[in-house]
Amino acid sequence: MSKPDELLVDVAALVESGQSNQMSLTVVTGGTVITGRLAPEAAWRQRVSDVLTDSDRLRAFSAVFRDPPKNDGAPTHLHFHVARILQGTVGIPETGGMYRVAIEDVGAWTVGDFSYSDH
C-alpha cells in the first residue's frame, strides 16, 4: 500500500469542501487513464443512486449509495463524473461515466481532462 499524494488529497478536500463539480482531473491508476470532472462524494453518491433507482434490475442497490459519506478525516477517494477511460483514441463511455478511484492507487495525475478523437 502506497502513501497517498498529499497534494492530490488537498485537491480532493477542496472539492469536498466547496461542493463543486467543475474541477477537471486526469489520473493514471493500475495502468488505466481516467479523465473527467471531480464531484463531491455526496453528489456522486446521489447521482449513482438516481441512476440505479431508474433501473428495474438494479433498483435494490440504490439505497447503498444514499447513505451519507463518512467524513472522518481526509478524503481517501476521488469521485469522477462525466468521466472517461481513455483507450487509445477512444474515450469509454462516450457520454461519460461515474468512477470512484482510491487516492492511494493513483500513480500519476494532472489538472485538466484529456480530449480524444477518432480522426
Protein backbone atom coordinates (compact mmCIF):
# COMPACT_ATOMS: atom_id res chain seq x y z
CA MET A 1 0.00 0.00 0.00
CA SER A 2 1.47 3.32 -1.05
CA LYS A 3 1.21 6.63 0.73
CA PRO A 4 -1.37 8.93 -0.90
CA ASP A 5 -0.08 12.04 -2.65
CA GLU A 6 -0.70 14.87 -0.17
CA LEU A 7 -1.30 17.42 -2.93
CA LEU A 8 -3.94 15.19 -4.51
CA VAL A 9 -5.57 14.72 -1.09
CA ASP A 10 -5.67 18.53 -0.77
CA VAL A 11 -7.35 18.82 -4.19
CA ALA A 12 -9.94 16.23 -3.17
CA ALA A 13 -10.54 18.05 0.13
CA LEU A 14 -11.18 21.32 -1.70
CA VAL A 15 -13.70 19.61 -3.98
CA GLU A 16 -15.41 18.16 -0.91
CA SER A 17 -15.48 21.45 0.99
CA GLY A 18 -16.67 23.58 -1.90
CA GLN A 19 -19.33 21.17 -3.15
CA SER A 20 -18.06 21.97 -6.66
CA ASN A 21 -18.15 19.68 -9.67
CA GLN A 22 -16.04 21.81 -12.01
CA MET A 23 -12.50 20.55 -11.20
CA SER A 24 -11.18 18.53 -14.13
CA LEU A 25 -8.53 15.93 -13.43
CA THR A 26 -6.79 13.10 -15.26
CA VAL A 27 -5.31 10.19 -13.31
CA VAL A 28 -3.39 7.03 -14.06
CA THR A 29 -4.33 4.11 -11.86
CA GLY A 30 -3.42 0.50 -12.46
CA GLY A 31 -2.26 1.37 -15.97
CA THR A 32 -5.63 2.93 -16.82
CA VAL A 33 -6.09 6.60 -17.71
CA ILE A 34 -9.28 8.18 -16.36
CA THR A 35 -10.15 11.75 -17.28
CA GLY A 36 -13.11 13.85 -16.19
CA ARG A 37 -14.52 16.14 -13.54
CA LEU A 38 -14.40 15.59 -9.82
CA ALA A 39 -17.55 15.70 -7.76
CA PRO A 40 -18.08 15.84 -4.00
CA GLU A 41 -18.73 12.34 -2.68
CA ALA A 42 -22.27 13.16 -1.54
CA ALA A 43 -23.23 14.48 -5.00
CA TRP A 44 -21.55 11.48 -6.68
CA ARG A 45 -23.42 9.04 -4.43
CA GLN A 46 -26.73 10.77 -5.13
CA ARG A 47 -26.21 10.61 -8.89
CA VAL A 48 -25.29 6.90 -8.78
CA SER A 49 -28.33 6.25 -6.59
CA ASP A 50 -30.57 8.08 -9.08
CA VAL A 51 -29.25 6.01 -11.99
CA LEU A 52 -29.77 2.76 -10.08
CA THR A 53 -33.25 3.79 -8.97
CA ASP A 54 -34.22 4.21 -12.63
CA SER A 55 -33.18 0.62 -13.39
CA ASP A 56 -35.67 -2.20 -12.83
CA ARG A 57 -32.86 -4.73 -12.35
CA LEU A 58 -30.59 -2.61 -10.13
CA ARG A 59 -33.04 -0.53 -8.09
CA ALA A 60 -32.35 -2.51 -4.89
CA PHE A 61 -28.72 -1.29 -4.90
CA SER A 62 -29.63 2.40 -4.92
CA ALA A 63 -30.09 2.52 -1.15
CA VAL A 64 -26.43 1.67 -0.57
CA PHE A 65 -25.43 4.89 -2.31
CA ARG A 66 -27.99 7.05 -0.48
CA ASP A 67 -26.18 6.59 2.84
CA PRO A 68 -24.25 9.75 3.68
CA PRO A 69 -20.47 9.54 3.31
CA LYS A 70 -18.43 9.07 6.45
CA ASN A 71 -16.47 12.29 6.93
CA ASP A 72 -13.82 11.08 9.34
CA GLY A 73 -10.70 12.79 8.08
CA ALA A 74 -9.02 13.48 4.79
CA PRO A 75 -10.62 12.15 1.60
CA THR A 76 -9.48 8.69 0.54
CA HIS A 77 -11.16 8.55 -2.88
CA LEU A 78 -11.68 10.69 -5.94
CA HIS A 79 -15.22 10.74 -7.33
CA PHE A 80 -15.39 11.33 -11.06
CA HIS A 81 -18.46 12.17 -13.07
CA VAL A 82 -18.69 12.88 -16.78
CA ALA A 83 -15.50 10.81 -16.90
CA ARG A 84 -13.98 8.53 -19.50
CA ILE A 85 -11.45 5.73 -19.52
CA LEU A 86 -9.03 6.51 -22.33
CA GLN A 87 -8.14 3.57 -24.56
CA GLY A 88 -6.02 4.65 -27.50
CA THR A 89 -8.00 7.37 -29.23
CA VAL A 90 -11.32 6.31 -27.71
CA GLY A 91 -12.98 7.50 -24.52
CA ILE A 92 -15.24 4.94 -22.84
CA PRO A 93 -18.13 5.57 -22.38
CA GLU A 94 -18.67 8.31 -24.93
CA THR A 95 -21.20 10.08 -22.72
CA GLY A 96 -19.04 9.87 -19.60
CA GLY A 97 -19.39 7.70 -16.55
CA MET A 98 -19.15 7.68 -12.79
CA TYR A 99 -15.88 6.37 -11.33
CA ARG A 100 -14.51 6.11 -7.80
CA VAL A 101 -10.73 5.85 -7.51
CA ALA A 102 -8.70 5.32 -4.33
CA ILE A 103 -6.24 8.19 -4.00
CA GLU A 104 -3.54 5.80 -2.79
CA ASP A 105 -3.83 3.89 -6.10
CA VAL A 106 -3.14 6.96 -8.28
CA GLY A 107 0.32 6.68 -9.81
CA ALA A 108 0.24 9.92 -11.81
CA TRP A 109 -2.16 12.81 -12.31
CA THR A 110 -2.58 16.20 -13.93
CA VAL A 111 -5.09 19.01 -13.70
CA GLY A 112 -7.43 19.12 -16.68
CA ASP A 113 -9.09 16.48 -18.79
CA PHE A 114 -7.78 14.98 -22.00
CA SER A 115 -9.71 15.18 -25.21
CA TYR A 116 -9.75 12.32 -27.63
CA SER A 117 -10.63 11.97 -31.26
CA ASP A 118 -11.45 9.17 -33.64
CA HIS A 119 -9.90 11.04 -36.60
